[in-house]
Amino acid sequence: MDPATMEARAAEAEAFLRSLASRHRLMILCTLLEGETSVGELVRRLGLTQSNLSRHLANLREEGLVATRREGVVIHYRIASERVRPILVELYRLFCAPGAASSREADGMPPEDATAPGA
């Protein structure tokens, strides 16, 4: 790969990773991997305010990671980028799926709260 192409691809990857650099956006994407979800349902499931959620959804939409579908007054979101779906699936498996180990547990260390004094 020539340097100009590599730089362009690296910039694209950087933008993608930057869009993931938020726990709230990761929570949104992990939830959307389970299927299309309305804004109201995302608010309920994630515990975010609607304004905070809307800000994160706008960022994800700008990056082309999510798409919308309107049904009356209800807006539904879904994963839009099939290209990045495998990466999101792996992140879900490692961090969001039921039974996923924390990074400390995966490295063979006790959970952080178990090492606190008095635990």
N, C-alpha and C. Protein backbone atom coordinates (compact mmCIF):
# COMPACT_ATOMS: atom_id res chain seq x y z
N MET A 1 0.86 -1.18 0.00
CA MET A 1 0.00 0.00 0.00
C MET A 1 0.90 1.24 0.00
N ASP A 2 0.57 2.18 -0.87
CA ASP A 2 1.40 3.39 -0.94
C ASP A 2 1.11 4.28 0.26
N PRO A 3 2.07 5.16 0.62
CA PRO A 3 1.92 5.99 1.83
C PRO A 3 0.67 6.87 1.82
N ALA A 4 0.28 7.42 0.69
CA ALA A 4 -0.90 8.29 0.65
C ALA A 4 -2.17 7.49 0.96
N THR A 5 -2.27 6.30 0.39
CA THR A 5 -3.43 5.45 0.66
C THR A 5 -3.44 5.01 2.11
N MET A 6 -2.25 4.64 2.61
CA MET A 6 -2.15 4.22 4.01
C MET A 6 -2.56 5.35 4.94
N GLU A 7 -2.13 6.56 4.64
CA GLU A 7 -2.49 7.71 5.48
C GLU A 7 -4.00 7.93 5.46
N ALA A 8 -4.62 7.83 4.29
CA ALA A 8 -6.07 8.02 4.18
C ALA A 8 -6.81 6.95 4.97
N ARG A 9 -6.36 5.72 4.88
CA ARG A 9 -7.02 4.62 5.61
C ARG A 9 -6.81 4.78 7.12
N ALA A 10 -5.60 5.22 7.50
CA ALA A 10 -5.33 5.43 8.92
C ALA A 10 -6.21 6.55 9.48
N ALA A 11 -6.42 7.59 8.69
CA ALA A 11 -7.29 8.69 9.12
C ALA A 11 -8.73 8.20 9.29
N GLU A 12 -9.16 7.33 8.40
CA GLU A 12 -10.51 6.75 8.49
C GLU A 12 -10.64 5.90 9.75
N ALA A 13 -9.63 5.09 10.03
CA ALA A 13 -9.63 4.26 11.24
C ALA A 13 -9.60 5.13 12.49
N GLU A 14 -8.82 6.20 12.43
CA GLU A 14 -8.74 7.12 13.57
C GLU A 14 -10.11 7.73 13.87
N ALA A 15 -10.83 8.16 12.84
CA ALA A 15 -12.16 8.73 13.03
C ALA A 15 -13.11 7.70 13.63
N PHE A 16 -13.04 6.46 13.15
CA PHE A 16 -13.88 5.39 13.69
C PHE A 16 -13.57 5.16 15.16
N LEU A 17 -12.28 5.04 15.49
CA LEU A 17 -11.90 4.78 16.89
C LEU A 17 -12.26 5.96 17.78
N ARG A 18 -12.14 7.18 17.27
CA ARG A 18 -12.52 8.36 18.04
C ARG A 18 -14.02 8.32 18.36
N SER A 19 -14.81 7.86 17.40
CA SER A 19 -16.26 7.80 17.64
C SER A 19 -16.60 6.74 18.70
N LEU A 20 -15.72 5.78 18.91
CA LEU A 20 -15.93 4.76 19.93
C LEU A 20 -15.36 5.16 21.30
N ALA A 21 -14.64 6.27 21.34
CA ALA A 21 -13.94 6.67 22.56
C ALA A 21 -14.87 7.33 23.57
N SER A 22 -16.00 6.73 23.79
CA SER A 22 -16.97 7.20 24.77
C SER A 22 -17.74 5.99 25.29
N ARG A 23 -17.80 5.86 26.59
CA ARG A 23 -18.53 4.70 27.14
C ARG A 23 -20.00 4.75 26.75
N HIS A 24 -20.57 5.96 26.64
CA HIS A 24 -21.98 6.05 26.27
C HIS A 24 -22.20 5.62 24.82
N ARG A 25 -21.31 6.02 23.92
CA ARG A 25 -21.47 5.59 22.53
C ARG A 25 -21.27 4.09 22.42
N LEU A 26 -20.35 3.53 23.19
CA LEU A 26 -20.17 2.07 23.18
C LEU A 26 -21.41 1.37 23.72
N MET A 27 -22.01 1.92 24.76
CA MET A 27 -23.24 1.34 25.31
C MET A 27 -24.36 1.38 24.26
N ILE A 28 -24.45 2.48 23.53
CA ILE A 28 -25.47 2.60 22.49
C ILE A 28 -25.23 1.55 21.42
N LEU A 29 -24.00 1.45 20.94
CA LEU A 29 -23.69 0.50 19.87
C LEU A 29 -23.90 -0.94 20.32
N CYS A 30 -23.51 -1.26 21.55
CA CYS A 30 -23.73 -2.62 22.06
C CYS A 30 -25.22 -2.93 22.10
N THR A 31 -26.03 -1.96 22.50
CA THR A 31 -27.48 -2.16 22.55
C THR A 31 -28.04 -2.34 21.14
N LEU A 32 -27.56 -1.54 20.20
CA LEU A 32 -28.06 -1.63 18.82
C LEU A 32 -27.63 -2.91 18.12
N LEU A 33 -26.56 -3.54 18.59
CA LEU A 33 -26.18 -4.84 18.02
C LEU A 33 -27.26 -5.88 18.26
N GLU A 34 -28.06 -5.67 19.31
CA GLU A 34 -29.15 -6.59 19.62
C GLU A 34 -30.35 -6.37 18.70
N GLY A 35 -30.35 -5.27 17.94
CA GLY A 35 -31.42 -4.99 17.00
C GLY A 35 -31.84 -3.54 17.02
N GLU A 36 -32.64 -3.17 16.04
CA GLU A 36 -33.14 -1.81 15.93
C GLU A 36 -33.88 -1.43 17.20
N THR A 37 -33.65 -0.19 17.67
CA THR A 37 -34.21 0.24 18.95
C THR A 37 -34.65 1.69 18.85
N SER A 38 -35.77 2.02 19.47
CA SER A 38 -36.26 3.40 19.46
C SER A 38 -35.46 4.25 20.44
N VAL A 39 -35.52 5.56 20.22
CA VAL A 39 -34.83 6.49 21.12
C VAL A 39 -35.35 6.32 22.54
N GLY A 40 -36.66 6.24 22.70
CA GLY A 40 -37.24 6.08 24.04
C GLY A 40 -36.75 4.82 24.73
N GLU A 41 -36.64 3.73 23.98
CA GLU A 41 -36.16 2.48 24.56
C GLU A 41 -34.68 2.59 24.93
N LEU A 42 -33.89 3.29 24.11
CA LEU A 42 -32.48 3.50 24.45
C LEU A 42 -32.35 4.31 25.73
N VAL A 43 -33.16 5.35 25.87
CA VAL A 43 -33.15 6.16 27.11
C VAL A 43 -33.46 5.26 28.30
N ARG A 44 -34.50 4.45 28.18
CA ARG A 44 -34.90 3.56 29.28
C ARG A 44 -33.82 2.55 29.61
N ARG A 45 -33.26 1.90 28.60
CA ARG A 45 -32.30 0.82 28.84
C ARG A 45 -30.94 1.32 29.30
N LEU A 46 -30.53 2.50 28.83
CA LEU A 46 -29.18 2.97 29.13
C LEU A 46 -29.12 3.97 30.28
N GLY A 47 -30.26 4.54 30.65
CA GLY A 47 -30.27 5.49 31.76
C GLY A 47 -29.67 6.84 31.41
N LEU A 48 -29.60 7.18 30.14
CA LEU A 48 -29.09 8.48 29.71
C LEU A 48 -30.26 9.44 29.56
N THR A 49 -29.98 10.74 29.69
CA THR A 49 -31.02 11.71 29.39
C THR A 49 -31.22 11.74 27.88
N GLN A 50 -32.40 12.17 27.45
CA GLN A 50 -32.67 12.19 26.01
C GLN A 50 -31.72 13.15 25.30
N SER A 51 -31.39 14.29 25.92
CA SER A 51 -30.49 15.24 25.26
C SER A 51 -29.08 14.67 25.13
N ASN A 52 -28.60 14.00 26.16
CA ASN A 52 -27.27 13.37 26.10
C ASN A 52 -27.26 12.26 25.06
N LEU A 53 -28.28 11.43 25.07
CA LEU A 53 -28.38 10.35 24.09
C LEU A 53 -28.42 10.91 22.67
N SER A 54 -29.20 11.96 22.45
CA SER A 54 -29.31 12.56 21.12
C SER A 54 -27.97 13.08 20.62
N ARG A 55 -27.19 13.67 21.52
CA ARG A 55 -25.87 14.17 21.15
C ARG A 55 -24.97 13.03 20.68
N HIS A 56 -24.98 11.92 21.42
CA HIS A 56 -24.16 10.77 21.05
C HIS A 56 -24.66 10.12 19.76
N LEU A 57 -25.97 10.02 19.60
CA LEU A 57 -26.52 9.45 18.37
C LEU A 57 -26.17 10.31 17.16
N ALA A 58 -26.17 11.64 17.33
CA ALA A 58 -25.80 12.53 16.23
C ALA A 58 -24.35 12.28 15.82
N ASN A 59 -23.47 12.10 16.80
CA ASN A 59 -22.07 11.80 16.50
C ASN A 59 -21.95 10.49 15.73
N LEU A 60 -22.64 9.47 16.19
CA LEU A 60 -22.59 8.16 15.54
C LEU A 60 -23.20 8.21 14.14
N ARG A 61 -24.22 9.02 13.97
CA ARG A 61 -24.85 9.19 12.66
C ARG A 61 -23.89 9.90 11.70
N GLU A 62 -23.22 10.95 12.18
CA GLU A 62 -22.24 11.68 11.36
C GLU A 62 -21.12 10.77 10.89
N GLU A 63 -20.73 9.82 11.72
CA GLU A 63 -19.66 8.88 11.37
C GLU A 63 -20.16 7.72 10.51
N GLY A 64 -21.47 7.68 10.27
CA GLY A 64 -22.03 6.62 9.44
C GLY A 64 -22.17 5.29 10.13
N LEU A 65 -22.14 5.29 11.47
CA LEU A 65 -22.22 4.04 12.22
C LEU A 65 -23.66 3.63 12.52
N VAL A 66 -24.57 4.60 12.59
CA VAL A 66 -25.97 4.28 12.84
C VAL A 66 -26.84 4.95 11.78
N ALA A 67 -28.01 4.38 11.56
CA ALA A 67 -29.00 4.93 10.64
C ALA A 67 -30.34 4.97 11.36
N THR A 68 -31.25 5.77 10.83
CA THR A 68 -32.55 5.94 11.46
C THR A 68 -33.68 5.48 10.55
N ARG A 69 -34.79 5.22 11.22
CA ARG A 69 -36.05 4.94 10.54
C ARG A 69 -37.14 5.59 11.38
N ARG A 70 -37.95 6.41 10.73
CA ARG A 70 -39.04 7.09 11.44
C ARG A 70 -40.33 6.31 11.26
N GLU A 71 -41.03 6.15 12.38
CA GLU A 71 -42.35 5.51 12.38
C GLU A 71 -43.28 6.45 13.15
N GLY A 72 -43.98 7.31 12.41
CA GLY A 72 -44.78 8.35 13.06
C GLY A 72 -43.85 9.33 13.75
N VAL A 73 -44.02 9.47 15.06
CA VAL A 73 -43.15 10.38 15.82
C VAL A 73 -41.97 9.65 16.45
N VAL A 74 -41.92 8.34 16.30
CA VAL A 74 -40.87 7.53 16.93
C VAL A 74 -39.72 7.32 15.95
N ILE A 75 -38.50 7.56 16.43
CA ILE A 75 -37.31 7.34 15.62
C ILE A 75 -36.61 6.09 16.13
N HIS A 76 -36.33 5.18 15.22
CA HIS A 76 -35.63 3.94 15.53
C HIS A 76 -34.21 4.02 14.99
N TYR A 77 -33.26 3.50 15.74
CA TYR A 77 -31.86 3.47 15.32
C TYR A 77 -31.41 2.04 15.11
N ARG A 78 -30.46 1.88 14.20
CA ARG A 78 -29.86 0.57 13.93
C ARG A 78 -28.41 0.79 13.52
N ILE A 79 -27.62 -0.28 13.60
CA ILE A 79 -26.24 -0.25 13.11
C ILE A 79 -26.32 -0.08 11.59
N ALA A 80 -25.56 0.87 11.06
CA ALA A 80 -25.61 1.15 9.62
C ALA A 80 -24.41 0.60 8.87
N SER A 81 -23.30 0.46 9.55
CA SER A 81 -22.06 0.09 8.86
C SER A 81 -21.77 -1.40 9.01
N GLU A 82 -22.04 -2.14 7.95
CA GLU A 82 -21.74 -3.58 7.99
C GLU A 82 -20.23 -3.81 8.01
N ARG A 83 -19.48 -2.85 7.52
CA ARG A 83 -18.02 -2.96 7.49
C ARG A 83 -17.42 -3.03 8.90
N VAL A 84 -18.00 -2.30 9.85
CA VAL A 84 -17.45 -2.29 11.21
C VAL A 84 -18.20 -3.22 12.15
N ARG A 85 -19.28 -3.84 11.66
CA ARG A 85 -20.06 -4.74 12.52
C ARG A 85 -19.18 -5.80 13.19
N PRO A 86 -18.25 -6.48 12.48
CA PRO A 86 -17.43 -7.49 13.17
C PRO A 86 -16.62 -6.93 14.34
N ILE A 87 -16.16 -5.69 14.22
CA ILE A 87 -15.42 -5.06 15.32
C ILE A 87 -16.36 -4.82 16.49
N LEU A 88 -17.54 -4.31 16.19
CA LEU A 88 -18.52 -4.06 17.25
C LEU A 88 -18.97 -5.36 17.92
N VAL A 89 -19.13 -6.40 17.12
CA VAL A 89 -19.51 -7.71 17.68
C VAL A 89 -18.44 -8.20 18.64
N GLU A 90 -17.18 -8.03 18.27
CA GLU A 90 -16.09 -8.47 19.16
C GLU A 90 -16.05 -7.64 20.44
N LEU A 91 -16.24 -6.33 20.33
CA LEU A 91 -16.30 -5.48 21.52
C LEU A 91 -17.46 -5.90 22.42
N TYR A 92 -18.60 -6.20 21.80
CA TYR A 92 -19.76 -6.67 22.57
C TYR A 92 -19.42 -7.96 23.31
N ARG A 93 -18.81 -8.89 22.59
CA ARG A 93 -18.46 -10.18 23.19
C ARG A 93 -17.51 -9.99 24.37
N LEU A 94 -16.53 -9.11 24.22
CA LEU A 94 -15.53 -8.92 25.26
C LEU A 94 -16.03 -8.12 26.45
N PHE A 95 -16.92 -7.13 26.20
CA PHE A 95 -17.25 -6.19 27.27
C PHE A 95 -18.73 -6.10 27.63
N CYS A 96 -19.63 -6.42 26.73
CA CYS A 96 -21.06 -6.17 26.98
C CYS A 96 -21.90 -7.42 27.17
N ALA A 97 -21.48 -8.52 26.59
CA ALA A 97 -22.29 -9.73 26.63
C ALA A 97 -22.48 -10.23 28.06
N PRO A 98 -23.63 -10.83 28.34
CA PRO A 98 -23.82 -11.43 29.67
C PRO A 98 -22.68 -12.40 29.96
N GLY A 99 -22.09 -12.25 31.14
CA GLY A 99 -21.00 -13.14 31.53
C GLY A 99 -19.63 -12.69 31.06
N ALA A 100 -19.53 -11.53 30.37
CA ALA A 100 -18.22 -11.05 29.92
C ALA A 100 -17.38 -10.70 31.14
N ALA A 101 -16.14 -11.15 31.13
CA ALA A 101 -15.23 -10.88 32.24
C ALA A 101 -14.69 -9.46 32.15
N SER A 102 -14.43 -8.86 33.31
CA SER A 102 -13.75 -7.56 33.29
C SER A 102 -12.32 -7.80 32.83
N SER A 103 -11.62 -6.73 32.43
CA SER A 103 -10.24 -6.90 31.97
C SER A 103 -9.37 -7.47 33.08
N ARG A 104 -9.64 -7.11 34.33
CA ARG A 104 -8.86 -7.66 35.44
C ARG A 104 -9.09 -9.16 35.56
N GLU A 105 -10.35 -9.58 35.47
CA GLU A 105 -10.66 -11.01 35.58
C GLU A 105 -10.08 -11.78 34.40
N ALA A 106 -10.14 -11.19 33.20
CA ALA A 106 -9.60 -11.86 32.01
C ALA A 106 -8.09 -12.05 32.13
N ASP A 107 -7.44 -11.16 32.87
CA ASP A 107 -6.00 -11.27 33.08
C ASP A 107 -5.66 -12.11 34.31
N GLY A 108 -6.66 -12.75 34.91
CA GLY A 108 -6.43 -13.63 36.05
C GLY A 108 -6.34 -12.92 37.38
N MET A 109 -6.74 -11.64 37.43
CA MET A 109 -6.69 -10.88 38.67
C MET A 109 -8.09 -10.84 39.28
N PRO A 110 -8.18 -10.66 40.59
CA PRO A 110 -9.51 -10.56 41.21
C PRO A 110 -10.18 -9.26 40.78
N PRO A 111 -11.52 -9.21 40.81
CA PRO A 111 -12.22 -7.96 40.50
C PRO A 111 -11.71 -6.84 41.38
N GLU A 112 -11.74 -5.62 40.86
CA GLU A 112 -11.19 -4.47 41.57
C GLU A 112 -11.80 -4.29 42.95
N ASP A 113 -13.12 -4.48 43.09
CA ASP A 113 -13.76 -4.28 44.38
C ASP A 113 -13.37 -5.36 45.39
N ALA A 114 -12.90 -6.51 44.92
CA ALA A 114 -12.49 -7.57 45.83
C ALA A 114 -11.13 -7.29 46.45
N THR A 115 -10.36 -6.38 45.85
CA THR A 115 -9.04 -6.07 46.39
C THR A 115 -9.06 -4.85 47.29
N ALA A 116 -10.22 -4.21 47.42
CA ALA A 116 -10.32 -3.03 48.27
C ALA A 116 -10.21 -3.44 49.73
N PRO A 117 -9.67 -2.57 50.56
CA PRO A 117 -9.58 -2.89 51.99
C PRO A 117 -10.95 -3.23 52.56
N GLY A 118 -11.00 -4.26 53.34
CA GLY A 118 -12.24 -4.68 53.98
C GLY A 118 -13.10 -5.57 53.11
N ALA A 119 -12.62 -5.87 51.91
CA ALA A 119 -13.42 -6.72 51.01
C ALA A 119 -13.23 -8.17 51.34
